[in-house]
Amino acid sequence: MDKIEKIKKLQPFSKRITSILLLFLFSTALSQKISVENKSDFPIDIQYNNRKIHLTPGKKNIISEKEINFLKIKLDNKNKSNLFIPVFLTNDESLELIIQSDNKPLEFKGDKDLLHNYIVNQQHSILYKNVVKYQEIYNKNKNQELINFSELILAEYLNKIKSLNNSPLGTKDEQYKRIEKYVVNDWLSSLYLILTGNKNLSIQSKELVLYYYNKYLQKDIERYNCDYRPQYEIMSILAKYSSQLNIILPKYAITEHTEDDAVNQYLPKKCQAYYFKIQLKYYDAVNSQKKKYYEKVLKEKFNDSE
């Protein structure tokens, strides 16, 4: 076989290799890049998209993948703390996350670093600091005043988020829409602290819970899921009081039967998993052998090694 024939035979193979290489480079270029650096003095485990990375002190890892919506970080410190990090990046943006020693906030650098710092390190305290004021207004039986004040808090917070997200699409930006849902769930969870808790809802509480449900939750109730704890808290509250509120919620198959099936039947599978996570956390805190049951269920029924 002469050289020309060999070259002709190699050309299709060469083109395939080039195509694969270009496809790889293109997909890598259009992926989120999240760098996690462990500056603490203890190991950490990072979970995302059903994957796990172990980082010892002083080590750094770069994650490059599309559609990373959340990072869950387990700290192997004395408190065995868990960190939940929502990620609001487009597929051409990068973010550096630095884990510091105990009692220090997470540090963010890169694209949308101020946005992530605001949401992760400040959101909870900003939204929950108003609970006392909510309670004062509620005790005066001024429902409309409570609605107006609470929605002003939400609007001011979302305006700050919009400016930090800094998208030319404004509120139509897909990442902003994800952030808005995340914020609304946390905000509603703070309101539910004063509206629910008793076995039976008062007439005043019913009116308020229904108002917030109809305006903020009902439109997405068929697609509701539990990626983070406030979502579970809200959905379990609605399930608990559904008959009193006279609302119809979707029903789901029970993954593992318990004494709380009457509530859990209204929870999607990921929300049911949260039920077992919370039970596990409690029995682990009191050092009960019952925790082994919840660990087993989470691992075998939900594929979740909490």
C-alpha atoms as a PDB file:
ATOM      1  CA  MET A   1       0.000   0.000   0.000  1.00  0.00           C
ATOM      2  CA  ASP A   2       1.550   3.338  -1.025  1.00  0.00           C
ATOM      3  CA  LYS A   3       1.626   6.426   1.182  1.00  0.00           C
ATOM      4  CA  ILE A   4      -1.289   8.145  -0.578  1.00  0.00           C
ATOM      5  CA  GLU A   5      -3.633   5.184   0.035  1.00  0.00           C
ATOM      6  CA  LYS A   6      -2.573   5.033   3.729  1.00  0.00           C
ATOM      7  CA  ILE A   7      -3.324   8.734   4.133  1.00  0.00           C
ATOM      8  CA  LYS A   8      -6.764   8.323   2.509  1.00  0.00           C
ATOM      9  CA  LYS A   9      -7.604   5.473   4.883  1.00  0.00           C
ATOM     10  CA  LEU A  10      -6.475   7.496   7.916  1.00  0.00           C
ATOM     11  CA  GLN A  11      -8.500  10.599   6.965  1.00  0.00           C
ATOM     12  CA  PRO A  12     -11.946   9.359   8.222  1.00  0.00           C
ATOM     13  CA  PHE A  13     -10.358   8.240  11.509  1.00  0.00           C
ATOM     14  CA  SER A  14      -8.591  11.570  11.888  1.00  0.00           C
ATOM     15  CA  LYS A  15     -11.843  13.452  11.247  1.00  0.00           C
ATOM     16  CA  ARG A  16     -13.627  11.428  13.945  1.00  0.00           C
ATOM     17  CA  ILE A  17     -10.874  12.181  16.467  1.00  0.00           C
ATOM     18  CA  THR A  18     -11.031  15.881  15.586  1.00  0.00           C
ATOM     19  CA  SER A  19     -14.833  15.909  15.949  1.00  0.00           C
ATOM     20  CA  ILE A  20     -14.687  14.196  19.335  1.00  0.00           C
ATOM     21  CA  LEU A  21     -11.973  16.597  20.511  1.00  0.00           C
ATOM     22  CA  LEU A  22     -13.951  19.649  19.354  1.00  0.00           C
ATOM     23  CA  LEU A  23     -17.108  18.317  21.022  1.00  0.00           C
ATOM     24  CA  PHE A  24     -15.206  17.789  24.278  1.00  0.00           C
ATOM     25  CA  LEU A  25     -13.692  21.272  24.156  1.00  0.00           C
ATOM     26  CA  PHE A  26     -17.092  22.823  23.364  1.00  0.00           C
ATOM     27  CA  SER A  27     -18.874  21.013  26.200  1.00  0.00           C
ATOM     28  CA  THR A  28     -16.089  21.929  28.647  1.00  0.00           C
ATOM     29  CA  ALA A  29     -16.213  25.575  27.591  1.00  0.00           C
ATOM     30  CA  LEU A  30     -19.969  25.650  28.233  1.00  0.00           C
ATOM     31  CA  SER A  31     -19.836  24.227  31.742  1.00  0.00           C
ATOM     32  CA  GLN A  32     -19.959  25.807  35.141  1.00  0.00           C
ATOM     33  CA  LYS A  33     -16.606  25.818  36.877  1.00  0.00           C
ATOM     34  CA  ILE A  34     -16.770  25.695  40.648  1.00  0.00           C
ATOM     35  CA  SER A  35     -13.566  25.639  42.612  1.00  0.00           C
ATOM     36  CA  VAL A  36     -13.768  24.481  46.246  1.00  0.00           C
ATOM     37  CA  GLU A  37     -10.758  25.103  48.489  1.00  0.00           C
ATOM     38  CA  ASN A  38     -10.526  23.623  51.969  1.00  0.00           C
ATOM     39  CA  LYS A  39      -8.672  26.101  54.183  1.00  0.00           C
ATOM     40  CA  SER A  40     -10.003  24.530  57.362  1.00  0.00           C
ATOM     41  CA  ASP A  41      -8.149  22.102  59.607  1.00  0.00           C
ATOM     42  CA  PHE A  42     -10.605  19.236  59.003  1.00  0.00           C
ATOM     43  CA  PRO A  43     -11.652  17.132  55.984  1.00  0.00           C
ATOM     44  CA  ILE A  44     -14.812  17.922  54.019  1.00  0.00           C
ATOM     45  CA  ASP A  45     -17.062  15.965  51.643  1.00  0.00           C
ATOM     46  CA  ILE A  46     -18.708  17.738  48.707  1.00  0.00           C
ATOM     47  CA  GLN A  47     -21.854  16.256  47.159  1.00  0.00           C
ATOM     48  CA  TYR A  48     -23.437  17.387  43.883  1.00  0.00           C
ATOM     49  CA  ASN A  49     -25.451  15.687  41.112  1.00  0.00           C
ATOM     50  CA  ASN A  50     -25.113  12.285  42.866  1.00  0.00           C
ATOM     51  CA  ARG A  51     -21.330  12.634  43.014  1.00  0.00           C
ATOM     52  CA  LYS A  52     -19.004  13.028  45.970  1.00  0.00           C
ATOM     53  CA  ILE A  53     -15.539  14.578  46.412  1.00  0.00           C
ATOM     54  CA  HIS A  54     -13.383  14.247  49.533  1.00  0.00           C
ATOM     55  CA  LEU A  55     -11.080  17.168  50.335  1.00  0.00           C
ATOM     56  CA  THR A  56      -8.453  17.031  53.058  1.00  0.00           C
ATOM     57  CA  PRO A  57      -7.204  20.267  54.696  1.00  0.00           C
ATOM     58  CA  GLY A  58      -5.275  22.516  52.313  1.00  0.00           C
ATOM     59  CA  LYS A  59      -6.580  20.804  49.176  1.00  0.00           C
ATOM     60  CA  LYS A  60      -8.536  22.294  46.278  1.00  0.00           C
ATOM     61  CA  ASN A  61     -10.788  20.758  43.620  1.00  0.00           C
ATOM     62  CA  ILE A  62     -12.341  22.223  40.478  1.00  0.00           C
ATOM     63  CA  ILE A  63     -15.747  20.923  39.395  1.00  0.00           C
ATOM     64  CA  SER A  64     -16.623  21.478  35.736  1.00  0.00           C
ATOM     65  CA  GLU A  65     -20.126  20.394  34.808  1.00  0.00           C
ATOM     66  CA  LYS A  66     -23.433  21.693  33.498  1.00  0.00           C
ATOM     67  CA  GLU A  67     -26.439  22.418  35.688  1.00  0.00           C
ATOM     68  CA  ILE A  68     -24.964  22.227  39.155  1.00  0.00           C
ATOM     69  CA  ASN A  69     -27.812  23.705  41.168  1.00  0.00           C
ATOM     70  CA  PHE A  70     -26.683  22.828  44.677  1.00  0.00           C
ATOM     71  CA  LEU A  71     -23.606  21.773  46.608  1.00  0.00           C
ATOM     72  CA  LYS A  72     -23.933  19.978  49.921  1.00  0.00           C
ATOM     73  CA  ILE A  73     -20.791  20.115  52.033  1.00  0.00           C
ATOM     74  CA  LYS A  74     -20.263  17.924  55.085  1.00  0.00           C
ATOM     75  CA  LEU A  75     -17.684  19.206  57.536  1.00  0.00           C
ATOM     76  CA  ASP A  76     -15.801  16.609  59.558  1.00  0.00           C
ATOM     77  CA  ASN A  77     -15.485  18.988  62.505  1.00  0.00           C
ATOM     78  CA  LYS A  78     -16.584  18.493  66.108  1.00  0.00           C
ATOM     79  CA  ASN A  79     -20.165  19.529  65.248  1.00  0.00           C
ATOM     80  CA  LYS A  80     -20.350  17.410  62.055  1.00  0.00           C
ATOM     81  CA  SER A  81     -21.934  20.417  60.356  1.00  0.00           C
ATOM     82  CA  ASN A  82     -23.680  20.354  56.978  1.00  0.00           C
ATOM     83  CA  LEU A  83     -23.608  23.295  54.573  1.00  0.00           C
ATOM     84  CA  PHE A  84     -26.146  23.707  51.798  1.00  0.00           C
ATOM     85  CA  ILE A  85     -24.911  25.935  48.977  1.00  0.00           C
ATOM     86  CA  PRO A  86     -27.323  26.946  46.196  1.00  0.00           C
ATOM     87  CA  VAL A  87     -25.527  27.655  42.925  1.00  0.00           C
ATOM     88  CA  PHE A  88     -26.871  30.283  40.516  1.00  0.00           C
ATOM     89  CA  LEU A  89     -24.427  30.270  37.604  1.00  0.00           C
ATOM     90  CA  THR A  90     -24.889  30.102  33.850  1.00  0.00           C
ATOM     91  CA  ASN A  91     -22.877  27.518  31.908  1.00  0.00           C
ATOM     92  CA  ASP A  92     -20.106  29.988  31.071  1.00  0.00           C
ATOM     93  CA  GLU A  93     -19.505  31.280  34.589  1.00  0.00           C
ATOM     94  CA  SER A  94     -17.132  30.241  37.353  1.00  0.00           C
ATOM     95  CA  LEU A  95     -17.091  30.595  41.116  1.00  0.00           C
ATOM     96  CA  GLU A  96     -14.524  29.920  43.817  1.00  0.00           C
ATOM     97  CA  LEU A  97     -15.766  28.753  47.205  1.00  0.00           C
ATOM     98  CA  ILE A  98     -13.421  28.805  50.197  1.00  0.00           C
ATOM     99  CA  ILE A  99     -14.180  26.774  53.321  1.00  0.00           C
ATOM    100  CA  GLN A 100     -12.637  28.403  56.363  1.00  0.00           C
ATOM    101  CA  SER A 101     -12.250  27.261  59.942  1.00  0.00           C
ATOM    102  CA  ASP A 102     -15.204  26.928  62.346  1.00  0.00           C
ATOM    103  CA  ASN A 103     -17.438  29.975  62.903  1.00  0.00           C
ATOM    104  CA  LYS A 104     -16.190  31.811  59.831  1.00  0.00           C
ATOM    105  CA  PRO A 105     -18.514  32.471  56.855  1.00  0.00           C
ATOM    106  CA  LEU A 106     -17.884  30.906  53.484  1.00  0.00           C
ATOM    107  CA  GLU A 107     -15.845  33.068  51.151  1.00  0.00           C
ATOM    108  CA  PHE A 108     -16.792  33.480  47.482  1.00  0.00           C
ATOM    109  CA  LYS A 109     -14.733  34.787  44.564  1.00  0.00           C
ATOM    110  CA  GLY A 110     -15.420  34.993  40.840  1.00  0.00           C
ATOM    111  CA  ASP A 111     -18.633  35.401  38.863  1.00  0.00           C
ATOM    112  CA  LYS A 112     -21.602  36.451  41.034  1.00  0.00           C
ATOM    113  CA  ASP A 113     -19.521  36.214  44.194  1.00  0.00           C
ATOM    114  CA  LEU A 114     -21.456  39.032  45.897  1.00  0.00           C
ATOM    115  CA  LEU A 115     -24.757  37.385  44.972  1.00  0.00           C
ATOM    116  CA  HIS A 116     -23.763  34.031  46.470  1.00  0.00           C
ATOM    117  CA  ASN A 117     -22.301  35.653  49.562  1.00  0.00           C
ATOM    118  CA  TYR A 118     -25.566  37.556  50.104  1.00  0.00           C
ATOM    119  CA  ILE A 119     -27.778  34.494  49.670  1.00  0.00           C
ATOM    120  CA  VAL A 120     -25.637  31.948  51.523  1.00  0.00           C
ATOM    121  CA  ASN A 121     -24.213  34.071  54.351  1.00  0.00           C
ATOM    122  CA  GLN A 122     -26.916  36.708  54.896  1.00  0.00           C
ATOM    123  CA  GLN A 123     -30.323  35.676  53.535  1.00  0.00           C
ATOM    124  CA  HIS A 124     -31.525  33.639  56.495  1.00  0.00           C
ATOM    125  CA  SER A 125     -30.821  36.336  59.076  1.00  0.00           C
ATOM    126  CA  ILE A 126     -32.278  39.087  56.853  1.00  0.00           C
ATOM    127  CA  LEU A 127     -35.563  37.244  56.331  1.00  0.00           C
ATOM    128  CA  TYR A 128     -35.963  35.776  59.807  1.00  0.00           C
ATOM    129  CA  LYS A 129     -35.151  38.946  61.743  1.00  0.00           C
ATOM    130  CA  ASN A 130     -38.690  40.099  60.925  1.00  0.00           C
ATOM    131  CA  VAL A 131     -40.425  37.205  62.697  1.00  0.00           C
ATOM    132  CA  VAL A 132     -40.871  39.208  65.914  1.00  0.00           C
ATOM    133  CA  LYS A 133     -42.498  42.052  63.978  1.00  0.00           C
ATOM    134  CA  TYR A 134     -44.754  39.574  62.145  1.00  0.00           C
ATOM    135  CA  GLN A 135     -45.854  38.195  65.514  1.00  0.00           C
ATOM    136  CA  GLU A 136     -46.651  41.670  66.864  1.00  0.00           C
ATOM    137  CA  ILE A 137     -48.856  42.484  63.868  1.00  0.00           C
ATOM    138  CA  TYR A 138     -50.497  39.054  63.957  1.00  0.00           C
ATOM    139  CA  ASN A 139     -51.369  39.468  67.643  1.00  0.00           C
ATOM    140  CA  LYS A 140     -53.240  42.674  66.758  1.00  0.00           C
ATOM    141  CA  ASN A 141     -55.397  40.685  64.270  1.00  0.00           C
ATOM    142  CA  LYS A 142     -54.294  42.952  61.444  1.00  0.00           C
ATOM    143  CA  ASN A 143     -54.057  40.491  58.568  1.00  0.00           C
ATOM    144  CA  GLN A 144     -53.773  43.020  55.761  1.00  0.00           C
ATOM    145  CA  GLU A 145     -51.049  44.893  57.609  1.00  0.00           C
ATOM    146  CA  LEU A 146     -49.124  41.641  58.034  1.00  0.00           C
ATOM    147  CA  ILE A 147     -49.515  40.832  54.332  1.00  0.00           C
ATOM    148  CA  ASN A 148     -48.390  44.320  53.295  1.00  0.00           C
ATOM    149  CA  PHE A 149     -45.392  44.360  55.632  1.00  0.00           C
ATOM    150  CA  SER A 150     -44.236  40.841  54.795  1.00  0.00           C
ATOM    151  CA  GLU A 151     -44.519  41.429  51.048  1.00  0.00           C
ATOM    152  CA  LEU A 152     -42.560  44.671  51.388  1.00  0.00           C
ATOM    153  CA  ILE A 153     -39.743  42.694  53.041  1.00  0.00           C
ATOM    154  CA  LEU A 154     -39.819  40.199  50.163  1.00  0.00           C
ATOM    155  CA  ALA A 155     -39.885  42.903  47.471  1.00  0.00           C
ATOM    156  CA  GLU A 156     -36.946  44.788  48.988  1.00  0.00           C
ATOM    157  CA  TYR A 157     -34.909  41.608  49.264  1.00  0.00           C
ATOM    158  CA  LEU A 158     -35.671  40.540  45.682  1.00  0.00           C
ATOM    159  CA  ASN A 159     -34.745  44.003  44.379  1.00  0.00           C
ATOM    160  CA  LYS A 160     -31.327  43.557  46.002  1.00  0.00           C
ATOM    161  CA  ILE A 161     -31.046  40.095  44.436  1.00  0.00           C
ATOM    162  CA  LYS A 162     -31.965  41.488  41.017  1.00  0.00           C
ATOM    163  CA  SER A 163     -29.189  44.089  41.237  1.00  0.00           C
ATOM    164  CA  LEU A 164     -26.613  41.507  42.351  1.00  0.00           C
ATOM    165  CA  ASN A 165     -27.664  39.047  39.629  1.00  0.00           C
ATOM    166  CA  ASN A 166     -27.082  41.894  37.151  1.00  0.00           C
ATOM    167  CA  SER A 167     -28.727  40.283  34.115  1.00  0.00           C
ATOM    168  CA  PRO A 168     -29.961  42.341  31.132  1.00  0.00           C
ATOM    169  CA  LEU A 169     -33.062  40.115  31.212  1.00  0.00           C
ATOM    170  CA  GLY A 170     -33.941  41.270  34.721  1.00  0.00           C
ATOM    171  CA  THR A 171     -36.704  39.181  36.294  1.00  0.00           C
ATOM    172  CA  LYS A 172     -37.003  37.096  33.095  1.00  0.00           C
ATOM    173  CA  ASP A 173     -33.489  35.716  33.574  1.00  0.00           C
ATOM    174  CA  GLU A 174     -33.642  31.951  34.254  1.00  0.00           C
ATOM    175  CA  GLN A 175     -31.206  32.128  37.164  1.00  0.00           C
ATOM    176  CA  TYR A 176     -33.209  34.963  38.720  1.00  0.00           C
ATOM    177  CA  LYS A 177     -36.369  32.828  38.485  1.00  0.00           C
ATOM    178  CA  ARG A 178     -34.571  30.013  40.352  1.00  0.00           C
ATOM    179  CA  ILE A 179     -33.342  32.456  42.997  1.00  0.00           C
ATOM    180  CA  GLU A 180     -36.818  33.914  43.408  1.00  0.00           C
ATOM    181  CA  LYS A 181     -38.296  30.479  44.174  1.00  0.00           C
ATOM    182  CA  TYR A 182     -35.480  29.767  46.621  1.00  0.00           C
ATOM    183  CA  VAL A 183     -36.042  33.083  48.395  1.00  0.00           C
ATOM    184  CA  VAL A 184     -39.846  32.760  48.487  1.00  0.00           C
ATOM    185  CA  ASN A 185     -39.638  29.355  50.176  1.00  0.00           C
ATOM    186  CA  ASP A 186     -37.297  30.686  52.864  1.00  0.00           C
ATOM    187  CA  TRP A 187     -39.478  33.780  53.339  1.00  0.00           C
ATOM    188  CA  LEU A 188     -42.686  31.727  53.613  1.00  0.00           C
ATOM    189  CA  SER A 189     -41.014  29.400  56.090  1.00  0.00           C
ATOM    190  CA  SER A 190     -40.331  32.403  58.348  1.00  0.00           C
ATOM    191  CA  LEU A 191     -44.010  33.420  58.153  1.00  0.00           C
ATOM    192  CA  TYR A 192     -45.247  29.913  58.881  1.00  0.00           C
ATOM    193  CA  LEU A 193     -43.372  30.031  62.188  1.00  0.00           C
ATOM    194  CA  ILE A 194     -46.105  32.308  63.566  1.00  0.00           C
ATOM    195  CA  LEU A 195     -49.060  31.022  61.520  1.00  0.00           C
ATOM    196  CA  THR A 196     -48.812  27.298  62.251  1.00  0.00           C
ATOM    197  CA  GLY A 197     -47.784  24.941  65.024  1.00  0.00           C
ATOM    198  CA  ASN A 198     -51.037  24.305  66.865  1.00  0.00           C
ATOM    199  CA  LYS A 199     -53.070  21.185  66.174  1.00  0.00           C
ATOM    200  CA  ASN A 200     -55.888  23.301  64.788  1.00  0.00           C
ATOM    201  CA  LEU A 201     -55.472  26.519  62.844  1.00  0.00           C
ATOM    202  CA  SER A 202     -57.331  29.596  64.013  1.00  0.00           C
ATOM    203  CA  ILE A 203     -59.614  31.386  61.558  1.00  0.00           C
ATOM    204  CA  GLN A 204     -56.999  34.121  61.293  1.00  0.00           C
ATOM    205  CA  SER A 205     -54.190  31.643  60.531  1.00  0.00           C
ATOM    206  CA  LYS A 206     -56.301  29.834  57.937  1.00  0.00           C
ATOM    207  CA  GLU A 207     -56.981  33.076  56.115  1.00  0.00           C
ATOM    208  CA  LEU A 208     -53.297  34.007  56.014  1.00  0.00           C
ATOM    209  CA  VAL A 209     -51.938  30.547  55.136  1.00  0.00           C
ATOM    210  CA  LEU A 210     -54.471  30.308  52.290  1.00  0.00           C
ATOM    211  CA  TYR A 211     -53.535  33.769  51.024  1.00  0.00           C
ATOM    212  CA  TYR A 212     -49.837  32.906  50.778  1.00  0.00           C
ATOM    213  CA  TYR A 213     -50.605  29.441  49.397  1.00  0.00           C
ATOM    214  CA  ASN A 214     -52.862  30.760  46.631  1.00  0.00           C
ATOM    215  CA  LYS A 215     -50.479  33.533  45.614  1.00  0.00           C
ATOM    216  CA  TYR A 216     -47.069  31.876  45.900  1.00  0.00           C
ATOM    217  CA  LEU A 217     -47.414  28.083  45.931  1.00  0.00           C
ATOM    218  CA  GLN A 218     -50.503  26.774  44.201  1.00  0.00           C
ATOM    219  CA  LYS A 219     -49.316  27.398  40.637  1.00  0.00           C
ATOM    220  CA  ASP A 220     -46.303  25.087  41.142  1.00  0.00           C
ATOM    221  CA  ILE A 221     -47.817  22.557  43.532  1.00  0.00           C
ATOM    222  CA  GLU A 222     -47.924  19.756  40.931  1.00  0.00           C
ATOM    223  CA  ARG A 223     -44.182  20.190  40.321  1.00  0.00           C
ATOM    224  CA  TYR A 224     -43.180  20.845  43.917  1.00  0.00           C
ATOM    225  CA  ASN A 225     -40.003  19.213  45.149  1.00  0.00           C
ATOM    226  CA  CYS A 226     -37.698  19.322  48.147  1.00  0.00           C
ATOM    227  CA  ASP A 227     -34.147  20.244  47.238  1.00  0.00           C
ATOM    228  CA  TYR A 228     -33.655  22.130  50.502  1.00  0.00           C
ATOM    229  CA  ARG A 229     -35.207  22.117  53.947  1.00  0.00           C
ATOM    230  CA  PRO A 230     -37.592  25.146  53.761  1.00  0.00           C
ATOM    231  CA  GLN A 231     -39.359  23.434  50.852  1.00  0.00           C
ATOM    232  CA  TYR A 232     -39.954  20.371  53.027  1.00  0.00           C
ATOM    233  CA  GLU A 233     -41.136  22.479  55.947  1.00  0.00           C
ATOM    234  CA  ILE A 234     -43.676  24.320  53.806  1.00  0.00           C
ATOM    235  CA  MET A 235     -44.954  21.195  52.048  1.00  0.00           C
ATOM    236  CA  SER A 236     -45.281  19.197  55.270  1.00  0.00           C
ATOM    237  CA  ILE A 237     -47.228  22.061  56.877  1.00  0.00           C
ATOM    238  CA  LEU A 238     -49.628  22.241  53.935  1.00  0.00           C
ATOM    239  CA  ALA A 239     -50.046  18.455  54.067  1.00  0.00           C
ATOM    240  CA  LYS A 240     -50.709  18.527  57.818  1.00  0.00           C
ATOM    241  CA  TYR A 241     -53.427  21.173  57.524  1.00  0.00           C
ATOM    242  CA  SER A 242     -54.794  20.335  54.059  1.00  0.00           C
ATOM    243  CA  SER A 243     -58.223  19.227  55.341  1.00  0.00           C
ATOM    244  CA  GLN A 244     -58.547  22.299  57.575  1.00  0.00           C
ATOM    245  CA  LEU A 245     -57.529  24.558  54.676  1.00  0.00           C
ATOM    246  CA  ASN A 246     -59.827  22.669  52.315  1.00  0.00           C
ATOM    247  CA  ILE A 247     -57.108  22.422  49.650  1.00  0.00           C
ATOM    248  CA  ILE A 248     -56.436  19.476  47.348  1.00  0.00           C
ATOM    249  CA  LEU A 249     -52.812  18.397  47.161  1.00  0.00           C
ATOM    250  CA  PRO A 250     -51.301  15.787  44.804  1.00  0.00           C
ATOM    251  CA  LYS A 251     -50.874  12.344  46.358  1.00  0.00           C
ATOM    252  CA  TYR A 252     -47.757  10.187  46.029  1.00  0.00           C
ATOM    253  CA  ALA A 253     -46.794   6.598  46.695  1.00  0.00           C
ATOM    254  CA  ILE A 254     -45.408   6.041  50.185  1.00  0.00           C
ATOM    255  CA  THR A 255     -41.781   4.930  49.848  1.00  0.00           C
ATOM    256  CA  GLU A 256     -41.497   3.697  53.450  1.00  0.00           C
ATOM    257  CA  HIS A 257     -44.565   3.427  55.670  1.00  0.00           C
ATOM    258  CA  THR A 258     -44.506   5.185  59.061  1.00  0.00           C
ATOM    259  CA  GLU A 259     -46.990   6.500  61.596  1.00  0.00           C
ATOM    260  CA  ASP A 260     -46.973   9.762  59.625  1.00  0.00           C
ATOM    261  CA  ASP A 261     -48.357   8.351  56.367  1.00  0.00           C
ATOM    262  CA  ALA A 262     -51.361  10.697  56.609  1.00  0.00           C
ATOM    263  CA  VAL A 263     -48.977  13.607  55.999  1.00  0.00           C
ATOM    264  CA  ASN A 264     -46.295  11.882  53.932  1.00  0.00           C
ATOM    265  CA  GLN A 265     -48.784  10.734  51.293  1.00  0.00           C
ATOM    266  CA  TYR A 266     -48.845  14.351  50.077  1.00  0.00           C
ATOM    267  CA  LEU A 267     -45.072  14.616  49.832  1.00  0.00           C
ATOM    268  CA  PRO A 268     -43.057  13.883  46.665  1.00  0.00           C
ATOM    269  CA  LYS A 269     -40.338  11.282  47.117  1.00  0.00           C
ATOM    270  CA  LYS A 270     -37.544  13.816  47.762  1.00  0.00           C
ATOM    271  CA  CYS A 271     -39.739  15.463  50.398  1.00  0.00           C
ATOM    272  CA  GLN A 272     -40.366  12.077  52.021  1.00  0.00           C
ATOM    273  CA  ALA A 273     -36.591  11.642  52.161  1.00  0.00           C
ATOM    274  CA  TYR A 274     -36.365  14.859  54.160  1.00  0.00           C
ATOM    275  CA  TYR A 275     -38.768  13.393  56.699  1.00  0.00           C
ATOM    276  CA  PHE A 276     -36.273  10.573  57.341  1.00  0.00           C
ATOM    277  CA  LYS A 277     -33.303  12.973  57.375  1.00  0.00           C
ATOM    278  CA  ILE A 278     -34.915  15.051  60.102  1.00  0.00           C
ATOM    279  CA  GLN A 279     -35.812  11.953  62.128  1.00  0.00           C
ATOM    280  CA  LEU A 280     -32.238  10.701  61.741  1.00  0.00           C
ATOM    281  CA  LYS A 281     -30.831  14.039  62.886  1.00  0.00           C
ATOM    282  CA  TYR A 282     -32.989  13.935  66.013  1.00  0.00           C
ATOM    283  CA  TYR A 283     -32.149  10.339  66.978  1.00  0.00           C
ATOM    284  CA  ASP A 284     -28.476  10.951  66.257  1.00  0.00           C
ATOM    285  CA  ALA A 285     -28.528  14.008  68.544  1.00  0.00           C
ATOM    286  CA  VAL A 286     -30.038  11.994  71.416  1.00  0.00           C
ATOM    287  CA  ASN A 287     -27.676   9.095  70.646  1.00  0.00           C
ATOM    288  CA  SER A 288     -30.498   6.606  70.086  1.00  0.00           C
ATOM    289  CA  GLN A 289     -30.059   3.268  68.328  1.00  0.00           C
ATOM    290  CA  LYS A 290     -33.185   4.145  66.318  1.00  0.00           C
ATOM    291  CA  LYS A 291     -30.942   6.229  64.072  1.00  0.00           C
ATOM    292  CA  LYS A 292     -29.734   3.014  62.394  1.00  0.00           C
ATOM    293  CA  TYR A 293     -33.234   2.416  61.012  1.00  0.00           C
ATOM    294  CA  TYR A 294     -33.378   5.877  59.438  1.00  0.00           C
ATOM    295  CA  GLU A 295     -29.865   5.531  58.027  1.00  0.00           C
ATOM    296  CA  LYS A 296     -30.885   2.203  56.466  1.00  0.00           C
ATOM    297  CA  VAL A 297     -34.081   3.603  54.935  1.00  0.00           C
ATOM    298  CA  LEU A 298     -32.327   6.655  53.493  1.00  0.00           C
ATOM    299  CA  LYS A 299     -29.627   4.505  51.920  1.00  0.00           C
ATOM    300  CA  GLU A 300     -31.797   1.644  50.623  1.00  0.00           C
ATOM    301  CA  LYS A 301     -35.058   3.386  49.761  1.00  0.00           C
ATOM    302  CA  PHE A 302     -33.874   6.874  48.803  1.00  0.00           C
ATOM    303  CA  ASN A 303     -30.279   6.244  47.696  1.00  0.00           C
ATOM    304  CA  ASP A 304     -29.242   8.932  50.146  1.00  0.00           C
ATOM    305  CA  SER A 305     -26.381   8.343  52.583  1.00  0.00           C
ATOM    306  CA  GLU A 306     -27.172  11.242  54.888  1.00  0.00           C
END
